[in-house]
Amino acid sequence: MFGLKKRNRTRQPRPTRGRDIAVAGRRVPLTIREHDRATRMTLRIEPGGRALRMSVPVGIAEREIDGFLHRHHGWLASRLSKMPKPATLQEGSTISIGGTPHRIERTGKVRGITRAGEIDGAAVLLVGGAAEHLGRRIADYLKKRARQELEPAVARHTEALGKPASGLKVRDTRSRWGSCTSDGRLSFSWRIAMAPDFVLDYLAAHEVAHLQEMNHGPQFWALCKQLCPETDRAKSWLKKNGSTLHAVDFGT
């Protein structure tokens, strides 16, 4: 992230706006948002490199935004070149489910549930419906799978901890894999359904541990490892492969 201090303005923020910019051989969507408390421009790359977010002071001129982007083009290009390019799903391509690559096969049927299976010993994901709905159907499948896997994992860890969660949601979060509110509501990225089971279990344990320790101090990590002995292995996996999961474009 880069930042540049600017003098705050006494004007109402303009509506959030967006544009595409060319960086590292790809077109990347950029969202620009004005904040009345912002004193500088900040630029962040969303996980997976699929988008950019820019926060700016209220009333700042477009030429100043353009100048900021121009000055940091090299930094953006360097960072984005190291990230996986967005992967568009289509028949014949592969997607990871529970850490196992599955070849995507359309059933040719208008209706029918999306399901994982095998053809000639190879793991496949069978998807019905029209070709233009392929990404949405796969995303819906992953959302359902994530909830089915996370609910028992959370129940197991909350029972071990002796503290219940007050709710569980799955959504396509970009800045974090999960969260825990002060009143015990847990939220998870459904993209974790693409990761191996031990990674999903770690994520459940991580957020459940926050029911007792709302921080990332030594006691939190000790508790996390108590709930999930493979914490270190799972953290390393996410650090290495998390961007790949975020780079999958479901077209939704």
C-alpha atoms as a PDB file:
ATOM      1  CA  MET A   1       0.000   0.000   0.000  1.00  0.00           C
ATOM      2  CA  PHE A   2       1.183   3.512  -0.808  1.00  0.00           C
ATOM      3  CA  GLY A   3      -0.066   6.747   0.695  1.00  0.00           C
ATOM      4  CA  LEU A   4       0.235  10.465   0.098  1.00  0.00           C
ATOM      5  CA  LYS A   5      -0.908  13.079   2.614  1.00  0.00           C
ATOM      6  CA  LYS A   6      -3.423  15.641   1.394  1.00  0.00           C
ATOM      7  CA  ARG A   7      -5.229  18.520   3.108  1.00  0.00           C
ATOM      8  CA  ASN A   8      -8.764  17.572   4.130  1.00  0.00           C
ATOM      9  CA  ARG A   9     -11.642  19.359   2.393  1.00  0.00           C
ATOM     10  CA  THR A  10     -14.939  20.637   3.828  1.00  0.00           C
ATOM     11  CA  ARG A  11     -17.150  19.166   1.096  1.00  0.00           C
ATOM     12  CA  GLN A  12     -19.507  16.207   0.873  1.00  0.00           C
ATOM     13  CA  PRO A  13     -17.950  13.010  -0.493  1.00  0.00           C
ATOM     14  CA  ARG A  14     -18.795  12.223  -4.083  1.00  0.00           C
ATOM     15  CA  PRO A  15     -20.344   8.807  -4.835  1.00  0.00           C
ATOM     16  CA  THR A  16     -17.936   5.898  -5.107  1.00  0.00           C
ATOM     17  CA  ARG A  17     -16.717   5.618  -8.681  1.00  0.00           C
ATOM     18  CA  GLY A  18     -14.777   3.120 -10.707  1.00  0.00           C
ATOM     19  CA  ARG A  19     -12.634   2.729 -13.770  1.00  0.00           C
ATOM     20  CA  ASP A  20     -10.314   0.177 -15.358  1.00  0.00           C
ATOM     21  CA  ILE A  21      -6.571   0.786 -15.588  1.00  0.00           C
ATOM     22  CA  ALA A  22      -3.920  -1.100 -17.568  1.00  0.00           C
ATOM     23  CA  VAL A  23      -1.219  -2.635 -15.366  1.00  0.00           C
ATOM     24  CA  ALA A  24       1.198  -5.525 -15.988  1.00  0.00           C
ATOM     25  CA  GLY A  25      -0.541  -6.609 -19.173  1.00  0.00           C
ATOM     26  CA  ARG A  26      -4.043  -6.750 -17.730  1.00  0.00           C
ATOM     27  CA  ARG A  27      -7.050  -4.508 -17.212  1.00  0.00           C
ATOM     28  CA  VAL A  28      -7.696  -4.107 -13.503  1.00  0.00           C
ATOM     29  CA  PRO A  29     -10.858  -2.536 -12.037  1.00  0.00           C
ATOM     30  CA  LEU A  30     -10.183   0.375  -9.690  1.00  0.00           C
ATOM     31  CA  THR A  31     -12.687   1.635  -7.122  1.00  0.00           C
ATOM     32  CA  ILE A  32     -12.195   5.193  -5.852  1.00  0.00           C
ATOM     33  CA  ARG A  33     -13.925   6.247  -2.642  1.00  0.00           C
ATOM     34  CA  GLU A  34     -13.835   9.648  -0.930  1.00  0.00           C
ATOM     35  CA  HIS A  35     -13.697   9.736   2.870  1.00  0.00           C
ATOM     36  CA  ASP A  36     -14.354  12.895   4.893  1.00  0.00           C
ATOM     37  CA  ARG A  37     -11.683  11.909   7.447  1.00  0.00           C
ATOM     38  CA  ALA A  38      -9.028  10.955   4.905  1.00  0.00           C
ATOM     39  CA  THR A  39      -5.925  13.153   4.873  1.00  0.00           C
ATOM     40  CA  ARG A  40      -4.038  11.274   2.169  1.00  0.00           C
ATOM     41  CA  MET A  41      -4.541   9.034  -0.833  1.00  0.00           C
ATOM     42  CA  THR A  42      -4.091   5.305  -0.240  1.00  0.00           C
ATOM     43  CA  LEU A  43      -4.021   2.481  -2.757  1.00  0.00           C
ATOM     44  CA  ARG A  44      -4.557  -1.199  -1.977  1.00  0.00           C
ATOM     45  CA  ILE A  45      -4.501  -4.355  -4.058  1.00  0.00           C
ATOM     46  CA  GLU A  46      -7.360  -6.723  -3.270  1.00  0.00           C
ATOM     47  CA  PRO A  47      -6.457 -10.364  -2.570  1.00  0.00           C
ATOM     48  CA  GLY A  48      -5.756 -12.229  -5.783  1.00  0.00           C
ATOM     49  CA  GLY A  49      -4.937  -8.998  -7.616  1.00  0.00           C
ATOM     50  CA  ARG A  50      -8.413  -8.930  -9.154  1.00  0.00           C
ATOM     51  CA  ALA A  51      -9.103  -5.301  -8.217  1.00  0.00           C
ATOM     52  CA  LEU A  52      -7.668  -2.125  -6.708  1.00  0.00           C
ATOM     53  CA  ARG A  53      -9.173   0.089  -4.018  1.00  0.00           C
ATOM     54  CA  MET A  54      -8.280   3.726  -3.585  1.00  0.00           C
ATOM     55  CA  SER A  55      -9.282   5.982  -0.677  1.00  0.00           C
ATOM     56  CA  VAL A  56      -8.933   9.727  -1.193  1.00  0.00           C
ATOM     57  CA  PRO A  57      -9.769  12.943   0.657  1.00  0.00           C
ATOM     58  CA  VAL A  58     -13.059  14.642  -0.182  1.00  0.00           C
ATOM     59  CA  GLY A  59     -12.932  16.965  -3.182  1.00  0.00           C
ATOM     60  CA  ILE A  60      -9.523  15.915  -4.494  1.00  0.00           C
ATOM     61  CA  ALA A  61      -9.036  16.672  -8.188  1.00  0.00           C
ATOM     62  CA  GLU A  62      -8.984  13.849 -10.740  1.00  0.00           C
ATOM     63  CA  ARG A  63      -5.605  15.055 -12.025  1.00  0.00           C
ATOM     64  CA  GLU A  64      -4.113  14.470  -8.575  1.00  0.00           C
ATOM     65  CA  ILE A  65      -5.516  10.941  -8.536  1.00  0.00           C
ATOM     66  CA  ASP A  66      -4.132  10.344 -12.033  1.00  0.00           C
ATOM     67  CA  GLY A  67      -0.742  11.666 -10.960  1.00  0.00           C
ATOM     68  CA  PHE A  68      -0.681   9.422  -7.905  1.00  0.00           C
ATOM     69  CA  LEU A  69      -1.492   6.368 -10.026  1.00  0.00           C
ATOM     70  CA  HIS A  70       1.153   7.317 -12.579  1.00  0.00           C
ATOM     71  CA  ARG A  71       3.858   7.704  -9.921  1.00  0.00           C
ATOM     72  CA  HIS A  72       3.078   4.294  -8.438  1.00  0.00           C
ATOM     73  CA  HIS A  73       2.541   2.437 -11.690  1.00  0.00           C
ATOM     74  CA  GLY A  74       5.874   0.639 -11.309  1.00  0.00           C
ATOM     75  CA  TRP A  75       4.991  -0.568  -7.817  1.00  0.00           C
ATOM     76  CA  LEU A  76       1.623  -1.837  -9.038  1.00  0.00           C
ATOM     77  CA  ALA A  77       3.143  -3.575 -12.050  1.00  0.00           C
ATOM     78  CA  SER A  78       5.732  -5.298  -9.880  1.00  0.00           C
ATOM     79  CA  ARG A  79       3.186  -6.520  -7.345  1.00  0.00           C
ATOM     80  CA  LEU A  80       0.570  -7.629  -9.862  1.00  0.00           C
ATOM     81  CA  SER A  81       3.094  -9.464 -12.031  1.00  0.00           C
ATOM     82  CA  LYS A  82       3.759 -11.765  -9.075  1.00  0.00           C
ATOM     83  CA  MET A  83       0.087 -12.578  -8.602  1.00  0.00           C
ATOM     84  CA  PRO A  84      -1.855 -15.209 -10.540  1.00  0.00           C
ATOM     85  CA  LYS A  85      -3.894 -13.825 -13.407  1.00  0.00           C
ATOM     86  CA  PRO A  86      -7.664 -14.141 -12.958  1.00  0.00           C
ATOM     87  CA  ALA A  87      -8.766 -17.631 -13.965  1.00  0.00           C
ATOM     88  CA  THR A  88     -11.998 -17.744 -15.961  1.00  0.00           C
ATOM     89  CA  LEU A  89     -14.002 -20.921 -15.552  1.00  0.00           C
ATOM     90  CA  GLN A  90     -15.073 -22.894 -18.600  1.00  0.00           C
ATOM     91  CA  GLU A  91     -15.803 -26.469 -19.573  1.00  0.00           C
ATOM     92  CA  GLY A  92     -12.604 -28.497 -19.548  1.00  0.00           C
ATOM     93  CA  SER A  93     -10.763 -26.218 -17.128  1.00  0.00           C
ATOM     94  CA  THR A  94     -10.081 -27.278 -13.551  1.00  0.00           C
ATOM     95  CA  ILE A  95     -11.119 -25.992 -10.164  1.00  0.00           C
ATOM     96  CA  SER A  96      -9.901 -27.072  -6.756  1.00  0.00           C
ATOM     97  CA  ILE A  97     -12.492 -28.549  -4.402  1.00  0.00           C
ATOM     98  CA  GLY A  98     -11.259 -29.479  -0.958  1.00  0.00           C
ATOM     99  CA  GLY A  99      -7.719 -29.191  -2.299  1.00  0.00           C
ATOM    100  CA  THR A 100      -8.287 -31.665  -5.161  1.00  0.00           C
ATOM    101  CA  PRO A 101      -8.327 -30.436  -8.796  1.00  0.00           C
ATOM    102  CA  HIS A 102     -11.640 -31.229 -10.504  1.00  0.00           C
ATOM    103  CA  ARG A 103     -12.171 -31.014 -14.255  1.00  0.00           C
ATOM    104  CA  ILE A 104     -15.305 -29.026 -15.083  1.00  0.00           C
ATOM    105  CA  GLU A 105     -17.819 -30.967 -17.185  1.00  0.00           C
ATOM    106  CA  ARG A 106     -21.170 -29.621 -18.349  1.00  0.00           C
ATOM    107  CA  THR A 107     -23.969 -32.166 -18.179  1.00  0.00           C
ATOM    108  CA  GLY A 108     -25.903 -30.618 -21.054  1.00  0.00           C
ATOM    109  CA  LYS A 109     -29.044 -30.625 -18.935  1.00  0.00           C
ATOM    110  CA  VAL A 110     -31.003 -27.455 -18.307  1.00  0.00           C
ATOM    111  CA  ARG A 111     -31.663 -28.453 -14.708  1.00  0.00           C
ATOM    112  CA  GLY A 112     -29.891 -30.577 -12.153  1.00  0.00           C
ATOM    113  CA  ILE A 113     -27.652 -29.948  -9.161  1.00  0.00           C
ATOM    114  CA  THR A 114     -23.941 -29.266  -9.446  1.00  0.00           C
ATOM    115  CA  ARG A 115     -22.027 -32.173  -7.935  1.00  0.00           C
ATOM    116  CA  ALA A 116     -18.534 -33.564  -7.619  1.00  0.00           C
ATOM    117  CA  GLY A 117     -17.861 -37.056  -8.933  1.00  0.00           C
ATOM    118  CA  GLU A 118     -15.542 -39.219 -10.988  1.00  0.00           C
ATOM    119  CA  ILE A 119     -15.271 -40.142 -14.659  1.00  0.00           C
ATOM    120  CA  ASP A 120     -12.799 -42.870 -15.563  1.00  0.00           C
ATOM    121  CA  GLY A 121     -11.124 -42.408 -12.193  1.00  0.00           C
ATOM    122  CA  ALA A 122     -10.636 -38.658 -12.628  1.00  0.00           C
ATOM    123  CA  ALA A 123     -12.236 -36.095 -10.293  1.00  0.00           C
ATOM    124  CA  VAL A 124     -14.838 -33.985 -12.089  1.00  0.00           C
ATOM    125  CA  LEU A 125     -17.365 -31.298 -11.239  1.00  0.00           C
ATOM    126  CA  LEU A 126     -20.615 -31.896 -13.125  1.00  0.00           C
ATOM    127  CA  VAL A 127     -22.476 -28.674 -13.863  1.00  0.00           C
ATOM    128  CA  GLY A 128     -25.877 -28.318 -15.497  1.00  0.00           C
ATOM    129  CA  GLY A 129     -27.493 -25.289 -17.087  1.00  0.00           C
ATOM    130  CA  ALA A 130     -26.469 -22.932 -19.864  1.00  0.00           C
ATOM    131  CA  ALA A 131     -22.811 -22.190 -20.506  1.00  0.00           C
ATOM    132  CA  GLU A 132     -23.233 -18.525 -19.520  1.00  0.00           C
ATOM    133  CA  HIS A 133     -24.378 -19.615 -16.036  1.00  0.00           C
ATOM    134  CA  LEU A 134     -21.413 -21.936 -15.434  1.00  0.00           C
ATOM    135  CA  GLY A 135     -19.529 -19.612 -13.071  1.00  0.00           C
ATOM    136  CA  ARG A 136     -22.587 -18.749 -11.016  1.00  0.00           C
ATOM    137  CA  ARG A 137     -23.571 -22.389 -10.621  1.00  0.00           C
ATOM    138  CA  ILE A 138     -20.076 -23.333  -9.460  1.00  0.00           C
ATOM    139  CA  ALA A 139     -20.032 -20.407  -7.014  1.00  0.00           C
ATOM    140  CA  ASP A 140     -23.387 -21.542  -5.604  1.00  0.00           C
ATOM    141  CA  TYR A 141     -22.000 -25.052  -5.201  1.00  0.00           C
ATOM    142  CA  LEU A 142     -18.952 -23.761  -3.317  1.00  0.00           C
ATOM    143  CA  LYS A 143     -21.106 -21.597  -1.040  1.00  0.00           C
ATOM    144  CA  LYS A 144     -23.217 -24.620  -0.123  1.00  0.00           C
ATOM    145  CA  ARG A 145     -20.156 -26.838   0.371  1.00  0.00           C
ATOM    146  CA  ALA A 146     -18.421 -24.207   2.515  1.00  0.00           C
ATOM    147  CA  ARG A 147     -21.407 -23.988   4.852  1.00  0.00           C
ATOM    148  CA  GLN A 148     -21.759 -27.779   5.020  1.00  0.00           C
ATOM    149  CA  GLU A 149     -18.095 -28.123   5.995  1.00  0.00           C
ATOM    150  CA  LEU A 150     -17.804 -25.095   8.257  1.00  0.00           C
ATOM    151  CA  GLU A 151     -20.887 -25.686  10.400  1.00  0.00           C
ATOM    152  CA  PRO A 152     -19.688 -28.988  11.916  1.00  0.00           C
ATOM    153  CA  ALA A 153     -16.124 -27.666  12.227  1.00  0.00           C
ATOM    154  CA  VAL A 154     -17.348 -24.597  14.118  1.00  0.00           C
ATOM    155  CA  ALA A 155     -19.627 -26.754  16.295  1.00  0.00           C
ATOM    156  CA  ARG A 156     -16.711 -29.025  17.177  1.00  0.00           C
ATOM    157  CA  HIS A 157     -14.406 -26.157  18.106  1.00  0.00           C
ATOM    158  CA  THR A 158     -17.016 -24.176  20.049  1.00  0.00           C
ATOM    159  CA  GLU A 159     -17.838 -27.292  22.067  1.00  0.00           C
ATOM    160  CA  ALA A 160     -14.141 -27.739  22.864  1.00  0.00           C
ATOM    161  CA  LEU A 161     -13.875 -24.078  23.825  1.00  0.00           C
ATOM    162  CA  GLY A 162     -17.098 -24.004  25.798  1.00  0.00           C
ATOM    163  CA  LYS A 163     -18.270 -20.826  24.059  1.00  0.00           C
ATOM    164  CA  PRO A 164     -21.062 -20.902  21.453  1.00  0.00           C
ATOM    165  CA  ALA A 165     -21.148 -18.770  18.328  1.00  0.00           C
ATOM    166  CA  SER A 166     -24.259 -16.666  17.771  1.00  0.00           C
ATOM    167  CA  GLY A 167     -24.315 -17.083  13.994  1.00  0.00           C
ATOM    168  CA  LEU A 168     -22.422 -18.170  10.883  1.00  0.00           C
ATOM    169  CA  LYS A 169     -22.340 -16.566   7.447  1.00  0.00           C
ATOM    170  CA  VAL A 170     -20.492 -17.331   4.246  1.00  0.00           C
ATOM    171  CA  ARG A 171     -19.737 -14.594   1.717  1.00  0.00           C
ATOM    172  CA  ASP A 172     -17.134 -13.540  -0.831  1.00  0.00           C
ATOM    173  CA  THR A 173     -14.904 -11.458   1.419  1.00  0.00           C
ATOM    174  CA  ARG A 174     -11.769  -9.979  -0.171  1.00  0.00           C
ATOM    175  CA  SER A 175      -9.787  -8.477   2.695  1.00  0.00           C
ATOM    176  CA  ARG A 176      -9.864 -11.457   5.073  1.00  0.00           C
ATOM    177  CA  TRP A 177     -10.739 -15.143   5.158  1.00  0.00           C
ATOM    178  CA  GLY A 178     -12.974 -14.838   8.189  1.00  0.00           C
ATOM    179  CA  SER A 179     -14.111 -12.596  11.007  1.00  0.00           C
ATOM    180  CA  CYS A 180     -15.679 -12.722  14.455  1.00  0.00           C
ATOM    181  CA  THR A 181     -17.771  -9.917  15.913  1.00  0.00           C
ATOM    182  CA  SER A 182     -17.903  -8.949  19.579  1.00  0.00           C
ATOM    183  CA  ASP A 183     -21.312 -10.622  19.892  1.00  0.00           C
ATOM    184  CA  GLY A 184     -20.028 -13.930  18.517  1.00  0.00           C
ATOM    185  CA  ARG A 185     -21.156 -13.822  14.884  1.00  0.00           C
ATOM    186  CA  LEU A 186     -18.717 -15.646  12.607  1.00  0.00           C
ATOM    187  CA  SER A 187     -18.232 -14.932   8.926  1.00  0.00           C
ATOM    188  CA  PHE A 188     -16.168 -16.877   6.388  1.00  0.00           C
ATOM    189  CA  SER A 189     -15.142 -16.596   2.761  1.00  0.00           C
ATOM    190  CA  TRP A 190     -16.852 -19.392   0.824  1.00  0.00           C
ATOM    191  CA  ARG A 191     -13.736 -19.617  -1.363  1.00  0.00           C
ATOM    192  CA  ILE A 192     -12.184 -21.639   1.476  1.00  0.00           C
ATOM    193  CA  ALA A 193     -14.207 -24.587   0.092  1.00  0.00           C
ATOM    194  CA  MET A 194     -11.533 -24.806  -2.621  1.00  0.00           C
ATOM    195  CA  ALA A 195      -8.787 -25.349  -0.013  1.00  0.00           C
ATOM    196  CA  PRO A 196      -7.779 -28.648   1.614  1.00  0.00           C
ATOM    197  CA  ASP A 197      -9.861 -29.802   4.570  1.00  0.00           C
ATOM    198  CA  PHE A 198      -7.126 -29.055   7.131  1.00  0.00           C
ATOM    199  CA  VAL A 199      -7.054 -25.418   5.950  1.00  0.00           C
ATOM    200  CA  LEU A 200     -10.828 -25.056   6.284  1.00  0.00           C
ATOM    201  CA  ASP A 201     -10.635 -26.602   9.760  1.00  0.00           C
ATOM    202  CA  TYR A 202      -7.913 -24.133  10.743  1.00  0.00           C
ATOM    203  CA  LEU A 203     -10.018 -21.198   9.550  1.00  0.00           C
ATOM    204  CA  ALA A 204     -12.955 -22.421  11.659  1.00  0.00           C
ATOM    205  CA  ALA A 205     -10.667 -22.821  14.691  1.00  0.00           C
ATOM    206  CA  HIS A 206      -9.126 -19.376  14.107  1.00  0.00           C
ATOM    207  CA  GLU A 207     -12.459 -17.567  14.229  1.00  0.00           C
ATOM    208  CA  VAL A 208     -13.778 -19.673  17.117  1.00  0.00           C
ATOM    209  CA  ALA A 209     -10.639 -18.809  19.105  1.00  0.00           C
ATOM    210  CA  HIS A 210     -11.627 -15.153  18.720  1.00  0.00           C
ATOM    211  CA  LEU A 211     -14.736 -15.873  20.791  1.00  0.00           C
ATOM    212  CA  GLN A 212     -12.349 -15.938  23.750  1.00  0.00           C
ATOM    213  CA  GLU A 213      -9.386 -13.903  22.534  1.00  0.00           C
ATOM    214  CA  MET A 214     -10.333 -10.895  20.384  1.00  0.00           C
ATOM    215  CA  ASN A 215      -6.742 -10.280  19.338  1.00  0.00           C
ATOM    216  CA  HIS A 216      -3.772 -12.032  17.726  1.00  0.00           C
ATOM    217  CA  GLY A 217      -1.561 -12.205  20.778  1.00  0.00           C
ATOM    218  CA  PRO A 218       0.367 -15.207  22.157  1.00  0.00           C
ATOM    219  CA  GLN A 219      -2.656 -16.521  24.077  1.00  0.00           C
ATOM    220  CA  PHE A 220      -4.785 -16.427  20.939  1.00  0.00           C
ATOM    221  CA  TRP A 221      -2.273 -18.428  18.902  1.00  0.00           C
ATOM    222  CA  ALA A 222      -1.809 -20.933  21.708  1.00  0.00           C
ATOM    223  CA  LEU A 223      -5.570 -21.437  21.809  1.00  0.00           C
ATOM    224  CA  CYS A 224      -5.750 -21.680  18.029  1.00  0.00           C
ATOM    225  CA  LYS A 225      -3.106 -24.428  18.002  1.00  0.00           C
ATOM    226  CA  GLN A 226      -4.893 -26.219  20.818  1.00  0.00           C
ATOM    227  CA  LEU A 227      -8.077 -26.319  18.726  1.00  0.00           C
ATOM    228  CA  CYS A 228      -6.254 -27.045  15.474  1.00  0.00           C
ATOM    229  CA  PRO A 229      -2.824 -28.699  15.773  1.00  0.00           C
ATOM    230  CA  GLU A 230      -2.186 -28.051  12.056  1.00  0.00           C
ATOM    231  CA  THR A 231      -2.418 -24.283  12.464  1.00  0.00           C
ATOM    232  CA  ASP A 232       1.133 -23.553  11.247  1.00  0.00           C
ATOM    233  CA  ARG A 233       0.787 -25.834   8.214  1.00  0.00           C
ATOM    234  CA  ALA A 234      -2.564 -24.278   7.289  1.00  0.00           C
ATOM    235  CA  LYS A 235      -1.241 -20.721   7.677  1.00  0.00           C
ATOM    236  CA  SER A 236       1.659 -21.555   5.357  1.00  0.00           C
ATOM    237  CA  TRP A 237      -0.730 -23.062   2.811  1.00  0.00           C
ATOM    238  CA  LEU A 238      -2.917 -19.956   2.774  1.00  0.00           C
ATOM    239  CA  LYS A 239       0.075 -17.652   2.494  1.00  0.00           C
ATOM    240  CA  LYS A 240       1.326 -19.597  -0.519  1.00  0.00           C
ATOM    241  CA  ASN A 241      -1.981 -20.399  -2.244  1.00  0.00           C
ATOM    242  CA  GLY A 242      -4.555 -17.911  -0.977  1.00  0.00           C
ATOM    243  CA  SER A 243      -4.086 -15.516  -3.894  1.00  0.00           C
ATOM    244  CA  THR A 244      -4.813 -18.335  -6.344  1.00  0.00           C
ATOM    245  CA  LEU A 245      -8.201 -18.933  -4.722  1.00  0.00           C
ATOM    246  CA  HIS A 246      -9.033 -15.231  -4.824  1.00  0.00           C
ATOM    247  CA  ALA A 247      -8.013 -15.054  -8.494  1.00  0.00           C
ATOM    248  CA  VAL A 248     -10.753 -17.427  -9.657  1.00  0.00           C
ATOM    249  CA  ASP A 249     -13.323 -15.373 -11.573  1.00  0.00           C
ATOM    250  CA  PHE A 250     -16.840 -16.738 -11.207  1.00  0.00           C
ATOM    251  CA  GLY A 251     -18.375 -13.907 -13.208  1.00  0.00           C
ATOM    252  CA  THR A 252     -20.878 -13.155 -10.470  1.00  0.00           C
END
